[in-house]
PDB file of all heavy atoms in Angstrom:
ATOM      1  N   VAL A   1      81.846 -23.188  86.571  1.00  0.00           N
ATOM      2  CA  VAL A   1      81.923 -24.301  85.661  1.00  0.00           C
ATOM      3  C   VAL A   1      80.765 -25.248  85.805  1.00  0.00           C
ATOM      4  O   VAL A   1      80.325 -25.866  84.784  1.00  0.00           O
ATOM      5  CB  VAL A   1      83.187 -25.138  85.901  1.00  0.00           C
ATOM      6  CG1 VAL A   1      83.118 -25.811  87.235  1.00  0.00           C
ATOM      7  CG2 VAL A   1      83.513 -26.070  84.803  1.00  0.00           C
ATOM      8  N   GLU A   2      80.030 -25.252  86.910  1.00  0.00           N
ATOM      9  CA  GLU A   2      78.856 -26.036  87.074  1.00  0.00           C
ATOM     10  C   GLU A   2      77.793 -25.825  86.049  1.00  0.00           C
ATOM     11  O   GLU A   2      76.995 -26.740  85.686  1.00  0.00           O
ATOM     12  CB  GLU A   2      78.357 -25.959  88.469  1.00  0.00           C
ATOM     13  CG  GLU A   2      79.229 -26.590  89.495  1.00  0.00           C
ATOM     14  CD  GLU A   2      80.346 -25.609  90.034  1.00  0.00           C
ATOM     15  OE1 GLU A   2      80.480 -24.548  89.503  1.00  0.00           O
ATOM     16  OE2 GLU A   2      81.063 -26.012  90.939  1.00  0.00           O
ATOM     17  N   LEU A   3      77.737 -24.532  85.637  1.00  0.00           N
ATOM     18  CA  LEU A   3      76.674 -24.212  84.577  1.00  0.00           C
ATOM     19  C   LEU A   3      76.898 -24.757  83.264  1.00  0.00           C
ATOM     20  O   LEU A   3      76.018 -24.770  82.441  1.00  0.00           O
ATOM     21  CB  LEU A   3      76.564 -22.605  84.513  1.00  0.00           C
ATOM     22  CG  LEU A   3      76.209 -21.944  85.797  1.00  0.00           C
ATOM     23  CD1 LEU A   3      76.306 -20.399  85.605  1.00  0.00           C
ATOM     24  CD2 LEU A   3      74.797 -22.275  86.212  1.00  0.00           C
ATOM     25  N   PHE A   4      78.113 -25.235  82.991  1.00  0.00           N
ATOM     26  CA  PHE A   4      78.435 -25.770  81.665  1.00  0.00           C
ATOM     27  C   PHE A   4      78.287 -27.315  81.575  1.00  0.00           C
ATOM     28  O   PHE A   4      78.682 -27.908  80.580  1.00  0.00           O
ATOM     29  CB  PHE A   4      79.848 -25.400  81.285  1.00  0.00           C
ATOM     30  CG  PHE A   4      80.005 -23.916  81.125  1.00  0.00           C
ATOM     31  CD1 PHE A   4      80.069 -23.047  82.170  1.00  0.00           C
ATOM     32  CD2 PHE A   4      80.121 -23.408  79.773  1.00  0.00           C
ATOM     33  CE1 PHE A   4      80.261 -21.652  81.953  1.00  0.00           C
ATOM     34  CE2 PHE A   4      80.236 -22.063  79.604  1.00  0.00           C
ATOM     35  CZ  PHE A   4      80.279 -21.186  80.609  1.00  0.00           C
ATOM     36  N   LYS A   5      77.818 -27.978  82.608  1.00  0.00           N
ATOM     37  CA  LYS A   5      77.617 -29.411  82.596  1.00  0.00           C
ATOM     38  C   LYS A   5      76.562 -29.967  81.739  1.00  0.00           C
ATOM     39  O   LYS A   5      76.684 -30.959  81.166  1.00  0.00           O
ATOM     40  CB  LYS A   5      77.418 -29.934  84.065  1.00  0.00           C
ATOM     41  CG  LYS A   5      78.718 -29.811  84.943  1.00  0.00           C
ATOM     42  CD  LYS A   5      78.437 -30.330  86.308  1.00  0.00           C
ATOM     43  CE  LYS A   5      79.739 -30.287  87.090  1.00  0.00           C
ATOM     44  NZ  LYS A   5      79.574 -30.880  88.463  1.00  0.00           N
ATOM     45  N   ASN A   6      75.517 -29.106  81.525  1.00  0.00           N
ATOM     46  CA  ASN A   6      74.447 -29.453  80.595  1.00  0.00           C
ATOM     47  C   ASN A   6      74.855 -29.042  79.221  1.00  0.00           C
ATOM     48  O   ASN A   6      75.091 -27.872  78.980  1.00  0.00           O
ATOM     49  CB  ASN A   6      73.077 -28.758  81.057  1.00  0.00           C
ATOM     50  CG  ASN A   6      72.012 -29.130  80.154  1.00  0.00           C
ATOM     51  OD1 ASN A   6      72.033 -28.817  78.926  1.00  0.00           O
ATOM     52  ND2 ASN A   6      70.987 -29.730  80.680  1.00  0.00           N
ATOM     53  N   PRO A   7      74.921 -29.905  78.222  1.00  0.00           N
ATOM     54  CA  PRO A   7      75.411 -29.505  76.875  1.00  0.00           C
ATOM     55  C   PRO A   7      74.655 -28.434  76.228  1.00  0.00           C
ATOM     56  O   PRO A   7      75.226 -27.541  75.591  1.00  0.00           O
ATOM     57  CB  PRO A   7      75.267 -30.863  76.077  1.00  0.00           C
ATOM     58  CG  PRO A   7      75.260 -31.955  77.146  1.00  0.00           C
ATOM     59  CD  PRO A   7      74.632 -31.368  78.343  1.00  0.00           C
ATOM     60  N   LEU A   8      73.391 -28.358  76.378  1.00  0.00           N
ATOM     61  CA  LEU A   8      72.543 -27.383  75.721  1.00  0.00           C
ATOM     62  C   LEU A   8      72.821 -26.054  76.396  1.00  0.00           C
ATOM     63  O   LEU A   8      72.945 -25.018  75.726  1.00  0.00           O
ATOM     64  CB  LEU A   8      70.997 -27.729  75.865  1.00  0.00           C
ATOM     65  CG  LEU A   8      70.060 -26.762  75.110  1.00  0.00           C
ATOM     66  CD1 LEU A   8      70.443 -26.677  73.651  1.00  0.00           C
ATOM     67  CD2 LEU A   8      68.652 -27.228  75.353  1.00  0.00           C
ATOM     68  N   VAL A   9      72.800 -26.069  77.762  1.00  0.00           N
ATOM     69  CA  VAL A   9      73.053 -24.768  78.472  1.00  0.00           C
ATOM     70  C   VAL A   9      74.479 -24.293  78.182  1.00  0.00           C
ATOM     71  O   VAL A   9      74.696 -23.103  77.928  1.00  0.00           O
ATOM     72  CB  VAL A   9      72.906 -24.998  79.995  1.00  0.00           C
ATOM     73  CG1 VAL A   9      73.384 -23.784  80.747  1.00  0.00           C
ATOM     74  CG2 VAL A   9      71.456 -25.328  80.369  1.00  0.00           C
ATOM     75  N   ALA A  10      75.455 -25.202  78.116  1.00  0.00           N
ATOM     76  CA  ALA A  10      76.875 -24.833  77.805  1.00  0.00           C
ATOM     77  C   ALA A  10      76.905 -24.239  76.431  1.00  0.00           C
ATOM     78  O   ALA A  10      77.659 -23.243  76.271  1.00  0.00           O
ATOM     79  CB  ALA A  10      77.713 -26.153  77.873  1.00  0.00           C
ATOM     80  N   TRP A  11      76.227 -24.803  75.422  1.00  0.00           N
ATOM     81  CA  TRP A  11      76.286 -24.265  74.085  1.00  0.00           C
ATOM     82  C   TRP A  11      75.729 -22.805  74.078  1.00  0.00           C
ATOM     83  O   TRP A  11      76.330 -21.942  73.529  1.00  0.00           O
ATOM     84  CB  TRP A  11      75.401 -25.109  73.138  1.00  0.00           C
ATOM     85  CG  TRP A  11      75.329 -24.631  71.775  1.00  0.00           C
ATOM     86  CD1 TRP A  11      76.152 -24.773  70.700  1.00  0.00           C
ATOM     87  CD2 TRP A  11      74.341 -23.636  71.235  1.00  0.00           C
ATOM     88  NE1 TRP A  11      75.836 -24.097  69.595  1.00  0.00           N
ATOM     89  CE2 TRP A  11      74.727 -23.350  69.859  1.00  0.00           C
ATOM     90  CE3 TRP A  11      73.297 -23.001  71.782  1.00  0.00           C
ATOM     91  CZ2 TRP A  11      73.958 -22.547  69.035  1.00  0.00           C
ATOM     92  CZ3 TRP A  11      72.499 -22.126  70.963  1.00  0.00           C
ATOM     93  CH2 TRP A  11      72.914 -21.972  69.628  1.00  0.00           C
ATOM     94  N   PHE A  12      74.554 -22.568  74.745  1.00  0.00           N
ATOM     95  CA  PHE A  12      73.967 -21.318  74.802  1.00  0.00           C
ATOM     96  C   PHE A  12      74.867 -20.216  75.492  1.00  0.00           C
ATOM     97  O   PHE A  12      75.116 -19.156  75.014  1.00  0.00           O
ATOM     98  CB  PHE A  12      72.627 -21.310  75.496  1.00  0.00           C
ATOM     99  CG  PHE A  12      71.920 -20.043  75.617  1.00  0.00           C
ATOM    100  CD1 PHE A  12      71.278 -19.498  74.465  1.00  0.00           C
ATOM    101  CD2 PHE A  12      71.910 -19.296  76.838  1.00  0.00           C
ATOM    102  CE1 PHE A  12      70.638 -18.216  74.597  1.00  0.00           C
ATOM    103  CE2 PHE A  12      71.333 -18.014  76.865  1.00  0.00           C
ATOM    104  CZ  PHE A  12      70.712 -17.538  75.782  1.00  0.00           C
ATOM    105  N   MET A  13      75.402 -20.664  76.623  1.00  0.00           N
ATOM    106  CA  MET A  13      76.219 -19.804  77.354  1.00  0.00           C
ATOM    107  C   MET A  13      77.532 -19.403  76.632  1.00  0.00           C
ATOM    108  O   MET A  13      77.949 -18.238  76.629  1.00  0.00           O
ATOM    109  CB  MET A  13      76.591 -20.336  78.776  1.00  0.00           C
ATOM    110  CG  MET A  13      75.384 -20.377  79.732  1.00  0.00           C
ATOM    111  SD  MET A  13      75.802 -20.820  81.395  1.00  0.00           S
ATOM    112  CE  MET A  13      76.726 -19.413  81.938  1.00  0.00           C
ATOM    113  N   THR A  14      78.062 -20.337  76.038  1.00  0.00           N
ATOM    114  CA  THR A  14      79.288 -20.147  75.182  1.00  0.00           C
ATOM    115  C   THR A  14      79.036 -19.162  74.097  1.00  0.00           C
ATOM    116  O   THR A  14      79.844 -18.247  73.799  1.00  0.00           O
ATOM    117  CB  THR A  14      79.831 -21.458  74.676  1.00  0.00           C
ATOM    118  OG1 THR A  14      80.181 -22.356  75.707  1.00  0.00           O
ATOM    119  CG2 THR A  14      81.080 -21.211  73.740  1.00  0.00           C
ATOM    120  N   HIS A  15      77.860 -19.301  73.402  1.00  0.00           N
ATOM    121  CA  HIS A  15      77.506 -18.379  72.337  1.00  0.00           C
ATOM    122  C   HIS A  15      77.086 -17.074  72.867  1.00  0.00           C
ATOM    123  O   HIS A  15      76.893 -16.113  72.036  1.00  0.00           O
ATOM    124  CB  HIS A  15      76.363 -19.011  71.456  1.00  0.00           C
ATOM    125  CG  HIS A  15      76.836 -20.069  70.555  1.00  0.00           C
ATOM    126  ND1 HIS A  15      77.329 -21.353  70.943  1.00  0.00           N
ATOM    127  CD2 HIS A  15      77.005 -20.106  69.122  1.00  0.00           C
ATOM    128  CE1 HIS A  15      77.690 -22.055  69.948  1.00  0.00           C
ATOM    129  NE2 HIS A  15      77.573 -21.259  68.859  1.00  0.00           N
ATOM    130  N   MET A  16      76.854 -16.934  74.179  1.00  0.00           N
ATOM    131  CA  MET A  16      76.601 -15.655  74.770  1.00  0.00           C
ATOM    132  C   MET A  16      77.895 -15.081  75.454  1.00  0.00           C
ATOM    133  O   MET A  16      77.799 -14.171  76.270  1.00  0.00           O
ATOM    134  CB  MET A  16      75.498 -15.808  75.882  1.00  0.00           C
ATOM    135  CG  MET A  16      74.118 -16.047  75.281  1.00  0.00           C
ATOM    136  SD  MET A  16      73.464 -14.816  74.078  1.00  0.00           S
ATOM    137  CE  MET A  16      73.187 -13.501  75.229  1.00  0.00           C
ATOM    138  N   TYR A  17      79.047 -15.677  75.082  1.00  0.00           N
ATOM    139  CA  TYR A  17      80.341 -15.215  75.469  1.00  0.00           C
ATOM    140  C   TYR A  17      80.680 -15.466  76.923  1.00  0.00           C
ATOM    141  O   TYR A  17      81.494 -14.813  77.548  1.00  0.00           O
ATOM    142  CB  TYR A  17      80.601 -13.716  75.149  1.00  0.00           C
ATOM    143  CG  TYR A  17      80.615 -13.482  73.667  1.00  0.00           C
ATOM    144  CD1 TYR A  17      79.777 -12.457  73.085  1.00  0.00           C
ATOM    145  CD2 TYR A  17      81.422 -14.172  72.878  1.00  0.00           C
ATOM    146  CE1 TYR A  17      79.760 -12.287  71.707  1.00  0.00           C
ATOM    147  CE2 TYR A  17      81.446 -13.907  71.431  1.00  0.00           C
ATOM    148  CZ  TYR A  17      80.601 -12.974  70.952  1.00  0.00           C
ATOM    149  OH  TYR A  17      80.634 -12.720  69.554  1.00  0.00           O
ATOM    150  N   ALA A  18      80.005 -16.442  77.581  1.00  0.00           N
ATOM    151  CA  ALA A  18      80.360 -16.861  78.910  1.00  0.00           C
ATOM    152  C   ALA A  18      81.525 -17.905  78.798  1.00  0.00           C
ATOM    153  O   ALA A  18      81.639 -18.575  77.810  1.00  0.00           O
ATOM    154  CB  ALA A  18      79.222 -17.472  79.596  1.00  0.00           C
ATOM    155  N   PHE A  19      82.353 -17.961  79.857  1.00  0.00           N
ATOM    156  CA  PHE A  19      83.411 -18.943  79.858  1.00  0.00           C
ATOM    157  C   PHE A  19      83.590 -19.434  81.323  1.00  0.00           C
ATOM    158  O   PHE A  19      83.366 -18.674  82.259  1.00  0.00           O
ATOM    159  CB  PHE A  19      84.813 -18.411  79.312  1.00  0.00           C
ATOM    160  CG  PHE A  19      85.296 -17.221  80.110  1.00  0.00           C
ATOM    161  CD1 PHE A  19      86.379 -17.473  81.026  1.00  0.00           C
ATOM    162  CD2 PHE A  19      84.978 -15.881  79.854  1.00  0.00           C
ATOM    163  CE1 PHE A  19      86.943 -16.357  81.741  1.00  0.00           C
ATOM    164  CE2 PHE A  19      85.515 -14.878  80.561  1.00  0.00           C
ATOM    165  CZ  PHE A  19      86.494 -15.085  81.501  1.00  0.00           C
ATOM    166  N   PRO A  20      83.869 -20.723  81.446  1.00  0.00           N
ATOM    167  CA  PRO A  20      83.819 -21.355  82.781  1.00  0.00           C
ATOM    168  C   PRO A  20      85.070 -21.176  83.659  1.00  0.00           C
ATOM    169  O   PRO A  20      86.173 -21.048  83.164  1.00  0.00           O
ATOM    170  CB  PRO A  20      83.655 -22.805  82.504  1.00  0.00           C
ATOM    171  CG  PRO A  20      84.380 -22.957  81.166  1.00  0.00           C
ATOM    172  CD  PRO A  20      84.052 -21.689  80.374  1.00  0.00           C
ATOM    173  N   VAL A  21      84.828 -21.052  84.909  1.00  0.00           N
ATOM    174  CA  VAL A  21      85.940 -20.950  85.932  1.00  0.00           C
ATOM    175  C   VAL A  21      85.600 -21.946  87.060  1.00  0.00           C
ATOM    176  O   VAL A  21      84.417 -22.033  87.517  1.00  0.00           O
ATOM    177  CB  VAL A  21      86.040 -19.519  86.510  1.00  0.00           C
ATOM    178  CG1 VAL A  21      84.750 -19.048  87.187  1.00  0.00           C
ATOM    179  CG2 VAL A  21      87.260 -19.375  87.444  1.00  0.00           C
ATOM    180  N   LYS A  22      86.651 -22.621  87.521  1.00  0.00           N
ATOM    181  CA  LYS A  22      86.475 -23.573  88.675  1.00  0.00           C
ATOM    182  C   LYS A  22      86.770 -22.761  89.913  1.00  0.00           C
ATOM    183  O   LYS A  22      87.884 -22.337  90.158  1.00  0.00           O
ATOM    184  CB  LYS A  22      87.433 -24.740  88.558  1.00  0.00           C
ATOM    185  CG  LYS A  22      87.189 -25.545  87.367  1.00  0.00           C
ATOM    186  CD  LYS A  22      88.263 -26.682  87.147  1.00  0.00           C
ATOM    187  CE  LYS A  22      87.977 -27.525  85.905  1.00  0.00           C
ATOM    188  NZ  LYS A  22      89.043 -28.467  85.652  1.00  0.00           N
ATOM    189  N   ARG A  23      85.742 -22.420  90.638  1.00  0.00           N
ATOM    190  CA  ARG A  23      85.898 -21.580  91.826  1.00  0.00           C
ATOM    191  C   ARG A  23      86.682 -22.183  92.924  1.00  0.00           C
ATOM    192  O   ARG A  23      86.501 -23.324  93.237  1.00  0.00           O
ATOM    193  CB  ARG A  23      84.583 -21.143  92.342  1.00  0.00           C
ATOM    194  CG  ARG A  23      83.683 -20.366  91.315  1.00  0.00           C
ATOM    195  CD  ARG A  23      82.282 -20.010  91.791  1.00  0.00           C
ATOM    196  NE  ARG A  23      81.487 -21.136  92.159  1.00  0.00           N
ATOM    197  CZ  ARG A  23      80.291 -21.129  92.736  1.00  0.00           C
ATOM    198  NH1 ARG A  23      79.800 -19.874  93.035  1.00  0.00           N
ATOM    199  NH2 ARG A  23      79.558 -22.268  93.001  1.00  0.00           N
ATOM    200  N   GLY A  24      87.595 -21.431  93.540  1.00  0.00           N
ATOM    201  CA  GLY A  24      88.341 -21.829  94.643  1.00  0.00           C
ATOM    202  C   GLY A  24      89.407 -22.861  94.344  1.00  0.00           C
ATOM    203  O   GLY A  24      89.934 -23.547  95.238  1.00  0.00           O
ATOM    204  N   LYS A  25      89.775 -23.027  93.058  1.00  0.00           N
ATOM    205  CA  LYS A  25      90.670 -24.082  92.728  1.00  0.00           C
ATOM    206  C   LYS A  25      91.876 -23.494  91.877  1.00  0.00           C
ATOM    207  O   LYS A  25      92.572 -24.328  91.283  1.00  0.00           O
ATOM    208  CB  LYS A  25      89.984 -25.193  91.891  1.00  0.00           C
ATOM    209  CG  LYS A  25      88.928 -25.895  92.657  1.00  0.00           C
ATOM    210  CD  LYS A  25      88.383 -27.001  91.886  1.00  0.00           C
ATOM    211  CE  LYS A  25      87.258 -27.788  92.693  1.00  0.00           C
ATOM    212  NZ  LYS A  25      86.676 -28.876  91.920  1.00  0.00           N
ATOM    213  N   GLY A  26      92.160 -22.228  92.021  1.00  0.00           N
ATOM    214  CA  GLY A  26      93.235 -21.638  91.289  1.00  0.00           C
ATOM    215  C   GLY A  26      93.147 -21.915  89.759  1.00  0.00           C
ATOM    216  O   GLY A  26      94.250 -22.428  89.176  1.00  0.00           O
ATOM    217  N   ASP A  27      92.067 -21.673  89.164  1.00  0.00           N
ATOM    218  CA  ASP A  27      91.873 -21.921  87.739  1.00  0.00           C
ATOM    219  C   ASP A  27      92.630 -21.026  86.887  1.00  0.00           C
ATOM    220  O   ASP A  27      92.071 -19.988  86.448  1.00  0.00           O
ATOM    221  CB  ASP A  27      90.352 -22.029  87.448  1.00  0.00           C
ATOM    222  CG  ASP A  27      90.043 -22.503  86.077  1.00  0.00           C
ATOM    223  OD1 ASP A  27      90.954 -22.857  85.333  1.00  0.00           O
ATOM    224  OD2 ASP A  27      88.909 -22.593  85.694  1.00  0.00           O
ATOM    225  N   THR A  28      93.848 -21.345  86.522  1.00  0.00           N
ATOM    226  CA  THR A  28      94.666 -20.464  85.680  1.00  0.00           C
ATOM    227  C   THR A  28      94.183 -20.385  84.204  1.00  0.00           C
ATOM    228  O   THR A  28      94.458 -19.298  83.615  1.00  0.00           O
ATOM    229  CB  THR A  28      96.104 -20.840  85.726  1.00  0.00           C
ATOM    230  OG1 THR A  28      96.255 -22.182  85.274  1.00  0.00           O
ATOM    231  CG2 THR A  28      96.711 -20.772  87.126  1.00  0.00           C
ATOM    232  N   SER A  29      93.491 -21.387  83.723  1.00  0.00           N
ATOM    233  CA  SER A  29      92.982 -21.342  82.365  1.00  0.00           C
ATOM    234  C   SER A  29      91.975 -20.250  82.171  1.00  0.00           C
ATOM    235  O   SER A  29      92.014 -19.447  81.215  1.00  0.00           O
ATOM    236  CB  SER A  29      92.277 -22.727  82.083  1.00  0.00           C
ATOM    237  OG  SER A  29      93.152 -23.767  82.046  1.00  0.00           O
ATOM    238  N   ALA A  30      91.120 -20.061  83.208  1.00  0.00           N
ATOM    239  CA  ALA A  30      90.013 -19.007  83.118  1.00  0.00           C
ATOM    240  C   ALA A  30      90.786 -17.601  83.238  1.00  0.00           C
ATOM    241  O   ALA A  30      90.380 -16.639  82.561  1.00  0.00           O
ATOM    242  CB  ALA A  30      89.040 -19.140  84.154  1.00  0.00           C
ATOM    243  N   ILE A  31      91.700 -17.440  84.122  1.00  0.00           N
ATOM    244  CA  ILE A  31      92.437 -16.261  84.279  1.00  0.00           C
ATOM    245  C   ILE A  31      93.173 -15.878  83.055  1.00  0.00           C
ATOM    246  O   ILE A  31      93.131 -14.727  82.588  1.00  0.00           O
ATOM    247  CB  ILE A  31      93.355 -16.308  85.408  1.00  0.00           C
ATOM    248  CG1 ILE A  31      92.725 -16.541  86.808  1.00  0.00           C
ATOM    249  CG2 ILE A  31      94.307 -15.090  85.540  1.00  0.00           C
ATOM    250  CD1 ILE A  31      91.802 -15.315  87.201  1.00  0.00           C
ATOM    251  N   ASP A  32      93.948 -16.885  82.452  1.00  0.00           N
ATOM    252  CA  ASP A  32      94.638 -16.598  81.183  1.00  0.00           C
ATOM    253  C   ASP A  32      93.663 -16.252  80.027  1.00  0.00           C
ATOM    254  O   ASP A  32      93.995 -15.361  79.167  1.00  0.00           O
ATOM    255  CB  ASP A  32      95.417 -17.894  80.828  1.00  0.00           C
ATOM    256  CG  ASP A  32      96.521 -18.130  81.779  1.00  0.00           C
ATOM    257  OD1 ASP A  32      96.959 -17.211  82.613  1.00  0.00           O
ATOM    258  OD2 ASP A  32      97.075 -19.285  81.779  1.00  0.00           O
ATOM    259  N   TYR A  33      92.487 -16.884  79.996  1.00  0.00           N
ATOM    260  CA  TYR A  33      91.542 -16.515  79.025  1.00  0.00           C
ATOM    261  C   TYR A  33      90.990 -15.154  79.163  1.00  0.00           C
ATOM    262  O   TYR A  33      90.811 -14.450  78.162  1.00  0.00           O
ATOM    263  CB  TYR A  33      90.402 -17.566  79.081  1.00  0.00           C
ATOM    264  CG  TYR A  33      89.446 -17.434  77.891  1.00  0.00           C
ATOM    265  CD1 TYR A  33      89.778 -17.954  76.625  1.00  0.00           C
ATOM    266  CD2 TYR A  33      88.157 -16.939  78.066  1.00  0.00           C
ATOM    267  CE1 TYR A  33      88.950 -17.894  75.565  1.00  0.00           C
ATOM    268  CE2 TYR A  33      87.291 -16.879  76.968  1.00  0.00           C
ATOM    269  CZ  TYR A  33      87.579 -17.321  75.796  1.00  0.00           C
ATOM    270  OH  TYR A  33      86.716 -17.206  74.717  1.00  0.00           O
ATOM    271  N   GLY A  34      90.846 -14.733  80.482  1.00  0.00           N
ATOM    272  CA  GLY A  34      90.431 -13.338  80.705  1.00  0.00           C
ATOM    273  C   GLY A  34      91.449 -12.428  80.197  1.00  0.00           C
ATOM    274  O   GLY A  34      91.078 -11.267  79.616  1.00  0.00           O
ATOM    275  N   VAL A  35      92.686 -12.696  80.373  1.00  0.00           N
ATOM    276  CA  VAL A  35      93.799 -11.796  79.880  1.00  0.00           C
ATOM    277  C   VAL A  35      93.787 -11.772  78.428  1.00  0.00           C
ATOM    278  O   VAL A  35      93.840 -10.668  77.760  1.00  0.00           O
ATOM    279  CB  VAL A  35      95.180 -12.323  80.420  1.00  0.00           C
ATOM    280  CG1 VAL A  35      96.294 -11.624  79.721  1.00  0.00           C
ATOM    281  CG2 VAL A  35      95.273 -12.208  81.892  1.00  0.00           C
ATOM    282  N   LYS A  36      93.540 -12.924  77.761  1.00  0.00           N
ATOM    283  CA  LYS A  36      93.457 -12.925  76.286  1.00  0.00           C
ATOM    284  C   LYS A  36      92.350 -12.053  75.763  1.00  0.00           C
ATOM    285  O   LYS A  36      92.529 -11.338  74.727  1.00  0.00           O
ATOM    286  CB  LYS A  36      93.293 -14.366  75.827  1.00  0.00           C
ATOM    287  CG  LYS A  36      93.351 -14.587  74.327  1.00  0.00           C
ATOM    288  CD  LYS A  36      92.896 -16.023  73.910  1.00  0.00           C
ATOM    289  CE  LYS A  36      93.868 -17.071  74.418  1.00  0.00           C
ATOM    290  NZ  LYS A  36      95.078 -17.082  73.587  1.00  0.00           N
ATOM    291  N   ILE A  37      91.200 -12.168  76.408  1.00  0.00           N
ATOM    292  CA  ILE A  37      90.001 -11.318  75.985  1.00  0.00           C
ATOM    293  C   ILE A  37      90.420  -9.866  75.952  1.00  0.00           C
ATOM    294  O   ILE A  37      90.085  -9.152  74.975  1.00  0.00           O
ATOM    295  CB  ILE A  37      88.924 -11.541  77.025  1.00  0.00           C
ATOM    296  CG1 ILE A  37      88.232 -12.907  76.822  1.00  0.00           C
ATOM    297  CG2 ILE A  37      87.812 -10.483  76.841  1.00  0.00           C
ATOM    298  CD1 ILE A  37      87.337 -13.298  77.963  1.00  0.00           C
ATOM    299  N   LEU A  38      91.054  -9.359  77.010  1.00  0.00           N
ATOM    300  CA  LEU A  38      91.369  -7.951  77.087  1.00  0.00           C
ATOM    301  C   LEU A  38      92.493  -7.608  76.164  1.00  0.00           C
ATOM    302  O   LEU A  38      92.467  -6.540  75.499  1.00  0.00           O
ATOM    303  CB  LEU A  38      91.789  -7.590  78.477  1.00  0.00           C
ATOM    304  CG  LEU A  38      90.660  -7.622  79.467  1.00  0.00           C
ATOM    305  CD1 LEU A  38      91.143  -7.803  80.937  1.00  0.00           C
ATOM    306  CD2 LEU A  38      89.808  -6.436  79.449  1.00  0.00           C
ATOM    307  N   GLU A  39      93.461  -8.472  75.963  1.00  0.00           N
ATOM    308  CA  GLU A  39      94.625  -8.135  75.096  1.00  0.00           C
ATOM    309  C   GLU A  39      94.193  -8.145  73.626  1.00  0.00           C
ATOM    310  O   GLU A  39      94.815  -7.437  72.782  1.00  0.00           O
ATOM    311  CB  GLU A  39      95.683  -9.227  75.267  1.00  0.00           C
ATOM    312  CG  GLU A  39      96.417  -9.148  76.659  1.00  0.00           C
ATOM    313  CD  GLU A  39      97.163  -7.894  76.906  1.00  0.00           C
ATOM    314  OE1 GLU A  39      97.273  -7.010  76.014  1.00  0.00           O
ATOM    315  OE2 GLU A  39      97.755  -7.789  77.978  1.00  0.00           O
ATOM    316  N   GLU A  40      93.066  -8.820  73.346  1.00  0.00           N
ATOM    317  CA  GLU A  40      92.603  -8.856  71.941  1.00  0.00           C
ATOM    318  C   GLU A  40      91.567  -7.777  71.690  1.00  0.00           C
ATOM    319  O   GLU A  40      90.849  -7.751  70.589  1.00  0.00           O
ATOM    320  CB  GLU A  40      92.042 -10.222  71.566  1.00  0.00           C
ATOM    321  CG  GLU A  40      93.091 -11.268  71.480  1.00  0.00           C
ATOM    322  CD  GLU A  40      92.640 -12.576  70.935  1.00  0.00           C
ATOM    323  OE1 GLU A  40      91.554 -12.693  70.331  1.00  0.00           O
ATOM    324  OE2 GLU A  40      93.384 -13.604  71.083  1.00  0.00           O
TER     325      GLU A  40
END
């Protein structure tokens, strides 16, 4: 998630299909999004 703090970098990474995860914090949003990616 730290890579997404800069708005310009975040825009570029998002458009390159990156998505953020909070490491070591049980980030269920990122896990659920990963499931959605595969299910679609």
